Amino acid sequence: MSYLEAVCIAIIEGLTEFLPVSSTAHMIFTSTFFGIQDDGFVKMFQVSIQFGAILAVVVLYKSYFFSSLSVYIPLAIGVIPALLLGALFDDAIDQVLEKPVPIAIALIIGGIVFIFLHRIFPVKPEQPTVPVTRLKAFKIGLWQCLALMPGTSRAAACLIGGMQQGLSRQQAAEFSFFLAVPTLLAVTFYSLFIKSWHQDGALIKGFHLITESHYNLIIFMLGNLIAFGIALIAVKYFIRLLTRYGLQIWGWYRISVGLIMLFLLH
């Protein structure tokens, strides 16, 4: 992986991680169409640079994360379903990641769902904030499990789940950001220290892939730094777009990207 390729993937990660458009789909399509080598390091890189995006949320919402230990209770409850199912179906998920067509189809289906849901959850005046109880957090966590299918989008699943639980658009979006922190931290830790990646005919831990050369370490640090900076901007503007235009704009975007991907893949 070259520096330019790493920068491109990191920009896409930062832009799309917290948008309801599937960052995984966008990174896979970028790698496919630009011919980026699909080896263990690249796959690990695509997962581990989520750490940079996570830090952006912590910085932007530091008043939330450092307000009280009690805020972590619903987050801990909400993350449990996805972690359990993710560990159980890890191999099956990896197989889907090798096939861009199902991911493009998932993008399109998700877009259609968004357009339909725009009618159910139309843009409304500012709604009051409601408490995110432990039960609500758990139910939103169940919705997050839909994102185990690559192309679905973790942010989209949490956003829909939050609104279904009575949260306003902004509150649902923000809780999806908050829930992303423990979720993606766990995924990043797993990709670095537990999961073994195929590289040059061997199975190697992600941490060892990064530290086997100064070049890989620089690529890893650069990717996280760029993902952090871009995510800072993306999160701010996403809230504005969501509260102003609702779900429909994201639905049409998903459908357009999915159709373009299917056309180019064939």
C-alpha atoms as a PDB file:
ATOM      1  CA  MET A   1       0.000   0.000   0.000  1.00  0.00           C
ATOM      2  CA  SER A   2       1.377   3.389  -1.022  1.00  0.00           C
ATOM      3  CA  TYR A   3       1.053   6.610   0.958  1.00  0.00           C
ATOM      4  CA  LEU A   4      -1.468   7.945  -1.574  1.00  0.00           C
ATOM      5  CA  GLU A   5      -3.603   4.816  -1.315  1.00  0.00           C
ATOM      6  CA  ALA A   6      -3.533   5.016   2.478  1.00  0.00           C
ATOM      7  CA  VAL A   7      -4.570   8.671   2.378  1.00  0.00           C
ATOM      8  CA  CYS A   8      -7.483   7.931   0.015  1.00  0.00           C
ATOM      9  CA  ILE A   9      -8.811   5.116   2.201  1.00  0.00           C
ATOM     10  CA  ALA A  10      -8.397   7.203   5.370  1.00  0.00           C
ATOM     11  CA  ILE A  11     -10.296  10.134   3.851  1.00  0.00           C
ATOM     12  CA  ILE A  12     -13.160   7.836   2.917  1.00  0.00           C
ATOM     13  CA  GLU A  13     -13.167   6.315   6.404  1.00  0.00           C
ATOM     14  CA  GLY A  14     -13.301   9.736   8.033  1.00  0.00           C
ATOM     15  CA  LEU A  15     -16.062  10.952   5.711  1.00  0.00           C
ATOM     16  CA  THR A  16     -18.313   7.910   5.886  1.00  0.00           C
ATOM     17  CA  GLU A  17     -17.817   6.177   9.250  1.00  0.00           C
ATOM     18  CA  PHE A  18     -20.538   8.157  11.002  1.00  0.00           C
ATOM     19  CA  LEU A  19     -22.777   8.700   7.975  1.00  0.00           C
ATOM     20  CA  PRO A  20     -25.568   6.200   7.163  1.00  0.00           C
ATOM     21  CA  VAL A  21     -23.855   5.143   3.929  1.00  0.00           C
ATOM     22  CA  SER A  22     -21.514   2.274   4.983  1.00  0.00           C
ATOM     23  CA  SER A  23     -17.850   3.179   5.306  1.00  0.00           C
ATOM     24  CA  THR A  24     -16.937  -0.469   4.692  1.00  0.00           C
ATOM     25  CA  ALA A  25     -18.669  -0.455   1.308  1.00  0.00           C
ATOM     26  CA  HIS A  26     -16.958   2.759   0.248  1.00  0.00           C
ATOM     27  CA  MET A  27     -13.489   1.550   1.285  1.00  0.00           C
ATOM     28  CA  ILE A  28     -13.933  -1.817  -0.432  1.00  0.00           C
ATOM     29  CA  PHE A  29     -15.146  -0.192  -3.647  1.00  0.00           C
ATOM     30  CA  THR A  30     -12.263   2.274  -3.565  1.00  0.00           C
ATOM     31  CA  SER A  31      -9.747  -0.538  -3.114  1.00  0.00           C
ATOM     32  CA  THR A  32     -11.378  -2.544  -5.914  1.00  0.00           C
ATOM     33  CA  PHE A  33     -11.559   0.212  -8.528  1.00  0.00           C
ATOM     34  CA  PHE A  34      -8.132   1.675  -7.846  1.00  0.00           C
ATOM     35  CA  GLY A  35      -6.504  -1.740  -7.756  1.00  0.00           C
ATOM     36  CA  ILE A  36      -5.189  -1.424  -4.211  1.00  0.00           C
ATOM     37  CA  GLN A  37      -3.517  -4.675  -3.220  1.00  0.00           C
ATOM     38  CA  ASP A  38      -6.000  -6.761  -1.235  1.00  0.00           C
ATOM     39  CA  ASP A  39      -3.661  -8.295   1.333  1.00  0.00           C
ATOM     40  CA  GLY A  40      -3.880  -8.785   5.080  1.00  0.00           C
ATOM     41  CA  PHE A  41      -2.299  -5.450   5.908  1.00  0.00           C
ATOM     42  CA  VAL A  42      -4.758  -3.506   3.744  1.00  0.00           C
ATOM     43  CA  LYS A  43      -7.745  -5.298   5.283  1.00  0.00           C
ATOM     44  CA  MET A  44      -6.402  -4.714   8.783  1.00  0.00           C
ATOM     45  CA  PHE A  45      -5.689  -1.064   7.927  1.00  0.00           C
ATOM     46  CA  GLN A  46      -9.274  -0.507   6.781  1.00  0.00           C
ATOM     47  CA  VAL A  47     -10.536  -1.715  10.148  1.00  0.00           C
ATOM     48  CA  SER A  48      -7.934  -0.228  12.481  1.00  0.00           C
ATOM     49  CA  ILE A  49      -8.125   3.365  11.190  1.00  0.00           C
ATOM     50  CA  GLN A  50     -11.583   3.477  12.727  1.00  0.00           C
ATOM     51  CA  PHE A  51      -9.660   4.365  15.876  1.00  0.00           C
ATOM     52  CA  GLY A  52      -8.885   7.802  14.454  1.00  0.00           C
ATOM     53  CA  ALA A  53     -12.547   8.377  13.645  1.00  0.00           C
ATOM     54  CA  ILE A  54     -13.513   7.300  17.176  1.00  0.00           C
ATOM     55  CA  LEU A  55     -11.211   9.922  18.684  1.00  0.00           C
ATOM     56  CA  ALA A  56     -12.994  12.608  16.656  1.00  0.00           C
ATOM     57  CA  VAL A  57     -16.285  11.775  18.382  1.00  0.00           C
ATOM     58  CA  VAL A  58     -14.656  11.775  21.822  1.00  0.00           C
ATOM     59  CA  VAL A  59     -13.135  15.207  21.134  1.00  0.00           C
ATOM     60  CA  LEU A  60     -16.347  16.719  19.742  1.00  0.00           C
ATOM     61  CA  TYR A  61     -18.483  15.329  22.556  1.00  0.00           C
ATOM     62  CA  LYS A  62     -15.973  15.464  25.400  1.00  0.00           C
ATOM     63  CA  SER A  63     -18.580  17.118  27.640  1.00  0.00           C
ATOM     64  CA  TYR A  64     -20.653  13.934  27.318  1.00  0.00           C
ATOM     65  CA  PHE A  65     -17.892  11.363  27.689  1.00  0.00           C
ATOM     66  CA  PHE A  66     -16.271  13.094  30.657  1.00  0.00           C
ATOM     67  CA  SER A  67     -19.445  14.171  32.435  1.00  0.00           C
ATOM     68  CA  SER A  68     -20.151  11.071  34.509  1.00  0.00           C
ATOM     69  CA  LEU A  69     -19.393   7.373  34.630  1.00  0.00           C
ATOM     70  CA  SER A  70     -23.134   6.722  34.413  1.00  0.00           C
ATOM     71  CA  VAL A  71     -23.172   7.625  30.695  1.00  0.00           C
ATOM     72  CA  TYR A  72     -21.171   4.479  29.972  1.00  0.00           C
ATOM     73  CA  ILE A  73     -23.801   2.113  31.369  1.00  0.00           C
ATOM     74  CA  PRO A  74     -26.252   2.349  28.417  1.00  0.00           C
ATOM     75  CA  LEU A  75     -23.307   2.276  25.998  1.00  0.00           C
ATOM     76  CA  ALA A  76     -21.968  -0.906  27.586  1.00  0.00           C
ATOM     77  CA  ILE A  77     -25.419  -2.491  27.366  1.00  0.00           C
ATOM     78  CA  GLY A  78     -25.987  -1.327  23.800  1.00  0.00           C
ATOM     79  CA  VAL A  79     -22.716  -2.725  22.485  1.00  0.00           C
ATOM     80  CA  ILE A  80     -23.215  -6.273  23.801  1.00  0.00           C
ATOM     81  CA  PRO A  81     -25.453  -7.702  21.007  1.00  0.00           C
ATOM     82  CA  ALA A  82     -23.164  -6.623  18.153  1.00  0.00           C
ATOM     83  CA  LEU A  83     -20.022  -7.849  19.903  1.00  0.00           C
ATOM     84  CA  LEU A  84     -21.498 -11.274  20.583  1.00  0.00           C
ATOM     85  CA  LEU A  85     -22.921 -11.774  17.088  1.00  0.00           C
ATOM     86  CA  GLY A  86     -19.841 -10.228  15.471  1.00  0.00           C
ATOM     87  CA  ALA A  87     -17.561 -12.727  17.193  1.00  0.00           C
ATOM     88  CA  LEU A  88     -19.904 -15.576  16.286  1.00  0.00           C
ATOM     89  CA  PHE A  89     -20.176 -14.712  12.580  1.00  0.00           C
ATOM     90  CA  ASP A  90     -16.703 -13.255  11.988  1.00  0.00           C
ATOM     91  CA  ASP A  91     -15.765 -15.814   9.322  1.00  0.00           C
ATOM     92  CA  ALA A  92     -19.071 -15.404   7.463  1.00  0.00           C
ATOM     93  CA  ILE A  93     -18.654 -11.619   7.473  1.00  0.00           C
ATOM     94  CA  ASP A  94     -15.136 -11.971   6.041  1.00  0.00           C
ATOM     95  CA  GLN A  95     -16.532 -14.065   3.180  1.00  0.00           C
ATOM     96  CA  VAL A  96     -19.085 -11.376   2.292  1.00  0.00           C
ATOM     97  CA  LEU A  97     -16.353  -8.738   2.337  1.00  0.00           C
ATOM     98  CA  GLU A  98     -14.717 -10.601  -0.553  1.00  0.00           C
ATOM     99  CA  LYS A  99     -17.821 -10.060  -2.720  1.00  0.00           C
ATOM    100  CA  PRO A 100     -18.577  -6.430  -3.690  1.00  0.00           C
ATOM    101  CA  VAL A 101     -21.886  -7.254  -5.431  1.00  0.00           C
ATOM    102  CA  PRO A 102     -23.825  -8.228  -2.258  1.00  0.00           C
ATOM    103  CA  ILE A 103     -22.450  -5.111  -0.586  1.00  0.00           C
ATOM    104  CA  ALA A 104     -23.713  -2.917  -3.444  1.00  0.00           C
ATOM    105  CA  ILE A 105     -27.120  -4.591  -3.211  1.00  0.00           C
ATOM    106  CA  ALA A 106     -27.187  -3.929   0.542  1.00  0.00           C
ATOM    107  CA  LEU A 107     -26.485  -0.263  -0.163  1.00  0.00           C
ATOM    108  CA  ILE A 108     -29.426  -0.076  -2.569  1.00  0.00           C
ATOM    109  CA  ILE A 109     -31.827  -1.899  -0.261  1.00  0.00           C
ATOM    110  CA  GLY A 110     -30.825   0.373   2.602  1.00  0.00           C
ATOM    111  CA  GLY A 111     -31.441   3.402   0.403  1.00  0.00           C
ATOM    112  CA  ILE A 112     -34.949   2.225  -0.460  1.00  0.00           C
ATOM    113  CA  VAL A 113     -35.654   1.671   3.232  1.00  0.00           C
ATOM    114  CA  PHE A 114     -34.453   5.201   4.014  1.00  0.00           C
ATOM    115  CA  ILE A 115     -36.774   6.753   1.428  1.00  0.00           C
ATOM    116  CA  PHE A 116     -39.674   4.767   2.858  1.00  0.00           C
ATOM    117  CA  LEU A 117     -38.780   5.723   6.437  1.00  0.00           C
ATOM    118  CA  HIS A 118     -38.586   9.393   5.453  1.00  0.00           C
ATOM    119  CA  ARG A 119     -42.383   9.271   5.221  1.00  0.00           C
ATOM    120  CA  ILE A 120     -42.681   7.636   8.635  1.00  0.00           C
ATOM    121  CA  PHE A 121     -40.163   9.954  10.288  1.00  0.00           C
ATOM    122  CA  PRO A 122     -40.576  13.233   8.348  1.00  0.00           C
ATOM    123  CA  VAL A 123     -38.577  16.338   9.182  1.00  0.00           C
ATOM    124  CA  LYS A 124     -40.226  17.915  12.229  1.00  0.00           C
ATOM    125  CA  PRO A 125     -39.606  20.944  14.425  1.00  0.00           C
ATOM    126  CA  GLU A 126     -37.137  20.381  17.238  1.00  0.00           C
ATOM    127  CA  GLN A 127     -38.267  17.517  19.432  1.00  0.00           C
ATOM    128  CA  PRO A 128     -37.583  17.312  23.177  1.00  0.00           C
ATOM    129  CA  THR A 129     -34.719  15.145  24.369  1.00  0.00           C
ATOM    130  CA  VAL A 130     -35.819  11.865  25.922  1.00  0.00           C
ATOM    131  CA  PRO A 131     -33.743   9.760  28.327  1.00  0.00           C
ATOM    132  CA  VAL A 132     -31.901   6.848  26.715  1.00  0.00           C
ATOM    133  CA  THR A 133     -32.754   4.144  29.227  1.00  0.00           C
ATOM    134  CA  ARG A 134     -30.890   0.867  29.492  1.00  0.00           C
ATOM    135  CA  LEU A 135     -33.734  -0.890  27.695  1.00  0.00           C
ATOM    136  CA  LYS A 136     -33.723   1.653  24.864  1.00  0.00           C
ATOM    137  CA  ALA A 137     -29.949   1.301  24.573  1.00  0.00           C
ATOM    138  CA  PHE A 138     -30.231  -2.479  24.367  1.00  0.00           C
ATOM    139  CA  LYS A 139     -32.904  -2.270  21.658  1.00  0.00           C
ATOM    140  CA  ILE A 140     -30.803   0.181  19.652  1.00  0.00           C
ATOM    141  CA  GLY A 141     -27.919  -2.250  20.111  1.00  0.00           C
ATOM    142  CA  LEU A 142     -30.077  -4.970  18.553  1.00  0.00           C
ATOM    143  CA  TRP A 143     -30.701  -2.697  15.573  1.00  0.00           C
ATOM    144  CA  GLN A 144     -26.949  -2.168  15.310  1.00  0.00           C
ATOM    145  CA  CYS A 145     -26.573  -5.907  14.652  1.00  0.00           C
ATOM    146  CA  LEU A 146     -28.058  -5.334  11.186  1.00  0.00           C
ATOM    147  CA  ALA A 147     -24.770  -3.654  10.303  1.00  0.00           C
ATOM    148  CA  LEU A 148     -22.966  -6.988  10.566  1.00  0.00           C
ATOM    149  CA  MET A 149     -24.038  -7.370   6.942  1.00  0.00           C
ATOM    150  CA  PRO A 150     -21.424  -5.284   5.077  1.00  0.00           C
ATOM    151  CA  GLY A 151     -23.042  -2.454   3.151  1.00  0.00           C
ATOM    152  CA  THR A 152     -25.859  -1.968   5.643  1.00  0.00           C
ATOM    153  CA  SER A 153     -24.115   0.735   7.732  1.00  0.00           C
ATOM    154  CA  ARG A 154     -23.771   0.739  11.484  1.00  0.00           C
ATOM    155  CA  ALA A 155     -24.725   4.418  11.637  1.00  0.00           C
ATOM    156  CA  ALA A 156     -27.874   3.788   9.575  1.00  0.00           C
ATOM    157  CA  ALA A 157     -28.993   0.880  11.749  1.00  0.00           C
ATOM    158  CA  CYS A 158     -28.469   2.851  14.972  1.00  0.00           C
ATOM    159  CA  LEU A 159     -30.159   5.930  13.533  1.00  0.00           C
ATOM    160  CA  ILE A 160     -33.268   3.985  12.571  1.00  0.00           C
ATOM    161  CA  GLY A 161     -33.247   2.140  15.879  1.00  0.00           C
ATOM    162  CA  GLY A 162     -32.956   5.380  17.818  1.00  0.00           C
ATOM    163  CA  MET A 163     -35.877   7.014  16.027  1.00  0.00           C
ATOM    164  CA  GLN A 164     -37.941   3.850  16.452  1.00  0.00           C
ATOM    165  CA  GLN A 165     -37.298   4.221  20.184  1.00  0.00           C
ATOM    166  CA  GLY A 166     -38.675   7.766  20.173  1.00  0.00           C
ATOM    167  CA  LEU A 167     -35.441   9.743  19.890  1.00  0.00           C
ATOM    168  CA  SER A 168     -35.314  12.840  17.697  1.00  0.00           C
ATOM    169  CA  ARG A 169     -33.168  12.753  14.562  1.00  0.00           C
ATOM    170  CA  GLN A 170     -30.365  14.666  16.230  1.00  0.00           C
ATOM    171  CA  GLN A 171     -30.500  12.640  19.436  1.00  0.00           C
ATOM    172  CA  ALA A 172     -30.610   9.358  17.500  1.00  0.00           C
ATOM    173  CA  ALA A 173     -27.633  10.444  15.399  1.00  0.00           C
ATOM    174  CA  GLU A 174     -25.652  11.528  18.441  1.00  0.00           C
ATOM    175  CA  PHE A 175     -26.369   8.300  20.300  1.00  0.00           C
ATOM    176  CA  SER A 176     -25.179   6.396  17.221  1.00  0.00           C
ATOM    177  CA  PHE A 177     -21.923   8.369  17.530  1.00  0.00           C
ATOM    178  CA  PHE A 178     -21.657   7.527  21.226  1.00  0.00           C
ATOM    179  CA  LEU A 179     -22.405   3.837  20.689  1.00  0.00           C
ATOM    180  CA  ALA A 180     -19.781   3.758  17.939  1.00  0.00           C
ATOM    181  CA  VAL A 181     -17.019   4.471  20.448  1.00  0.00           C
ATOM    182  CA  PRO A 182     -17.161   1.210  22.451  1.00  0.00           C
ATOM    183  CA  THR A 183     -18.215  -0.754  19.358  1.00  0.00           C
ATOM    184  CA  LEU A 184     -15.359   0.388  17.146  1.00  0.00           C
ATOM    185  CA  LEU A 185     -12.857   0.331  19.994  1.00  0.00           C
ATOM    186  CA  ALA A 186     -13.659  -3.343  20.479  1.00  0.00           C
ATOM    187  CA  VAL A 187     -13.433  -4.022  16.737  1.00  0.00           C
ATOM    188  CA  THR A 188     -10.110  -2.178  16.490  1.00  0.00           C
ATOM    189  CA  PHE A 189      -8.680  -4.055  19.481  1.00  0.00           C
ATOM    190  CA  TYR A 190      -9.835  -7.345  17.955  1.00  0.00           C
ATOM    191  CA  SER A 191      -8.269  -6.517  14.579  1.00  0.00           C
ATOM    192  CA  LEU A 192      -4.934  -5.575  16.151  1.00  0.00           C
ATOM    193  CA  PHE A 193      -4.411  -8.088  18.931  1.00  0.00           C
ATOM    194  CA  ILE A 194      -6.706 -11.088  18.422  1.00  0.00           C
ATOM    195  CA  LYS A 195      -7.500 -11.614  14.742  1.00  0.00           C
ATOM    196  CA  SER A 196      -4.841 -13.130  12.466  1.00  0.00           C
ATOM    197  CA  TRP A 197      -4.581 -11.824   8.906  1.00  0.00           C
ATOM    198  CA  HIS A 198      -3.353 -13.622   5.785  1.00  0.00           C
ATOM    199  CA  GLN A 199      -0.123 -11.965   4.685  1.00  0.00           C
ATOM    200  CA  ASP A 200       2.514 -13.514   2.393  1.00  0.00           C
ATOM    201  CA  GLY A 201       1.222 -17.024   2.986  1.00  0.00           C
ATOM    202  CA  ALA A 202       1.186 -16.735   6.775  1.00  0.00           C
ATOM    203  CA  LEU A 203      -1.297 -15.786   9.480  1.00  0.00           C
ATOM    204  CA  ILE A 204      -0.074 -12.696  11.336  1.00  0.00           C
ATOM    205  CA  LYS A 205      -1.606 -10.625  14.128  1.00  0.00           C
ATOM    206  CA  GLY A 206      -2.527  -7.078  13.161  1.00  0.00           C
ATOM    207  CA  PHE A 207      -0.165  -5.556  15.717  1.00  0.00           C
ATOM    208  CA  HIS A 208       2.754  -7.478  14.247  1.00  0.00           C
ATOM    209  CA  LEU A 209       1.794  -6.390  10.718  1.00  0.00           C
ATOM    210  CA  ILE A 210       2.043  -2.772  11.819  1.00  0.00           C
ATOM    211  CA  THR A 211       5.313  -3.103  13.709  1.00  0.00           C
ATOM    212  CA  GLU A 212       7.166  -5.334  11.248  1.00  0.00           C
ATOM    213  CA  SER A 213       8.438  -2.239   9.421  1.00  0.00           C
ATOM    214  CA  HIS A 214       8.718   1.518   9.931  1.00  0.00           C
ATOM    215  CA  TYR A 215       6.808   1.991   6.679  1.00  0.00           C
ATOM    216  CA  ASN A 216       3.769   0.067   7.918  1.00  0.00           C
ATOM    217  CA  LEU A 217       3.843   1.951  11.217  1.00  0.00           C
ATOM    218  CA  ILE A 218       3.921   5.310   9.430  1.00  0.00           C
ATOM    219  CA  ILE A 219       1.057   4.232   7.150  1.00  0.00           C
ATOM    220  CA  PHE A 220      -0.987   3.185  10.180  1.00  0.00           C
ATOM    221  CA  MET A 221      -0.361   6.445  12.058  1.00  0.00           C
ATOM    222  CA  LEU A 222      -0.987   8.573   8.961  1.00  0.00           C
ATOM    223  CA  GLY A 223      -4.266   6.795   8.248  1.00  0.00           C
ATOM    224  CA  ASN A 224      -5.565   7.309  11.774  1.00  0.00           C
ATOM    225  CA  LEU A 225      -4.536  10.966  11.809  1.00  0.00           C
ATOM    226  CA  ILE A 226      -6.323  11.700   8.535  1.00  0.00           C
ATOM    227  CA  ALA A 227      -9.425   9.725   9.537  1.00  0.00           C
ATOM    228  CA  PHE A 228      -9.514  11.751  12.769  1.00  0.00           C
ATOM    229  CA  GLY A 229      -9.321  15.125  11.010  1.00  0.00           C
ATOM    230  CA  ILE A 230     -11.887  14.308   8.331  1.00  0.00           C
ATOM    231  CA  ALA A 231     -14.303  12.765  10.847  1.00  0.00           C
ATOM    232  CA  LEU A 232     -14.236  15.974  12.900  1.00  0.00           C
ATOM    233  CA  ILE A 233     -15.710  17.799   9.919  1.00  0.00           C
ATOM    234  CA  ALA A 234     -18.065  15.040   8.762  1.00  0.00           C
ATOM    235  CA  VAL A 235     -19.768  14.602  12.138  1.00  0.00           C
ATOM    236  CA  LYS A 236     -20.518  18.324  12.447  1.00  0.00           C
ATOM    237  CA  TYR A 237     -22.061  18.639   8.989  1.00  0.00           C
ATOM    238  CA  PHE A 238     -23.967  15.354   9.156  1.00  0.00           C
ATOM    239  CA  ILE A 239     -26.088  16.604  12.063  1.00  0.00           C
ATOM    240  CA  ARG A 240     -26.957  19.748  10.095  1.00  0.00           C
ATOM    241  CA  LEU A 241     -27.909  17.831   6.954  1.00  0.00           C
ATOM    242  CA  LEU A 242     -29.926  15.258   8.866  1.00  0.00           C
ATOM    243  CA  THR A 243     -31.980  17.779  10.810  1.00  0.00           C
ATOM    244  CA  ARG A 244     -32.589  19.874   7.701  1.00  0.00           C
ATOM    245  CA  TYR A 245     -33.243  17.256   5.006  1.00  0.00           C
ATOM    246  CA  GLY A 246     -34.064  14.071   6.898  1.00  0.00           C
ATOM    247  CA  LEU A 247     -33.373  10.555   5.647  1.00  0.00           C
ATOM    248  CA  GLN A 248     -34.363  10.915   2.001  1.00  0.00           C
ATOM    249  CA  ILE A 249     -31.136  12.517   0.808  1.00  0.00           C
ATOM    250  CA  TRP A 250     -29.125   9.619   2.234  1.00  0.00           C
ATOM    251  CA  GLY A 251     -31.509   7.103   0.685  1.00  0.00           C
ATOM    252  CA  TRP A 252     -31.026   8.485  -2.823  1.00  0.00           C
ATOM    253  CA  TYR A 253     -27.267   8.683  -2.268  1.00  0.00           C
ATOM    254  CA  ARG A 254     -27.085   5.020  -1.252  1.00  0.00           C
ATOM    255  CA  ILE A 255     -29.156   3.925  -4.246  1.00  0.00           C
ATOM    256  CA  SER A 256     -27.033   5.988  -6.653  1.00  0.00           C
ATOM    257  CA  VAL A 257     -23.727   4.675  -5.312  1.00  0.00           C
ATOM    258  CA  GLY A 258     -24.996   1.092  -5.230  1.00  0.00           C
ATOM    259  CA  LEU A 259     -26.204   1.248  -8.843  1.00  0.00           C
ATOM    260  CA  ILE A 260     -22.954   2.825 -10.015  1.00  0.00           C
ATOM    261  CA  MET A 261     -20.993   0.091  -8.275  1.00  0.00           C
ATOM    262  CA  LEU A 262     -23.099  -2.663  -9.853  1.00  0.00           C
ATOM    263  CA  PHE A 263     -22.672  -1.070 -13.287  1.00  0.00           C
ATOM    264  CA  LEU A 264     -18.897  -0.746 -12.941  1.00  0.00           C
ATOM    265  CA  LEU A 265     -18.531  -4.235 -11.490  1.00  0.00           C
ATOM    266  CA  HIS A 266     -20.173  -5.665 -14.590  1.00  0.00           C
END
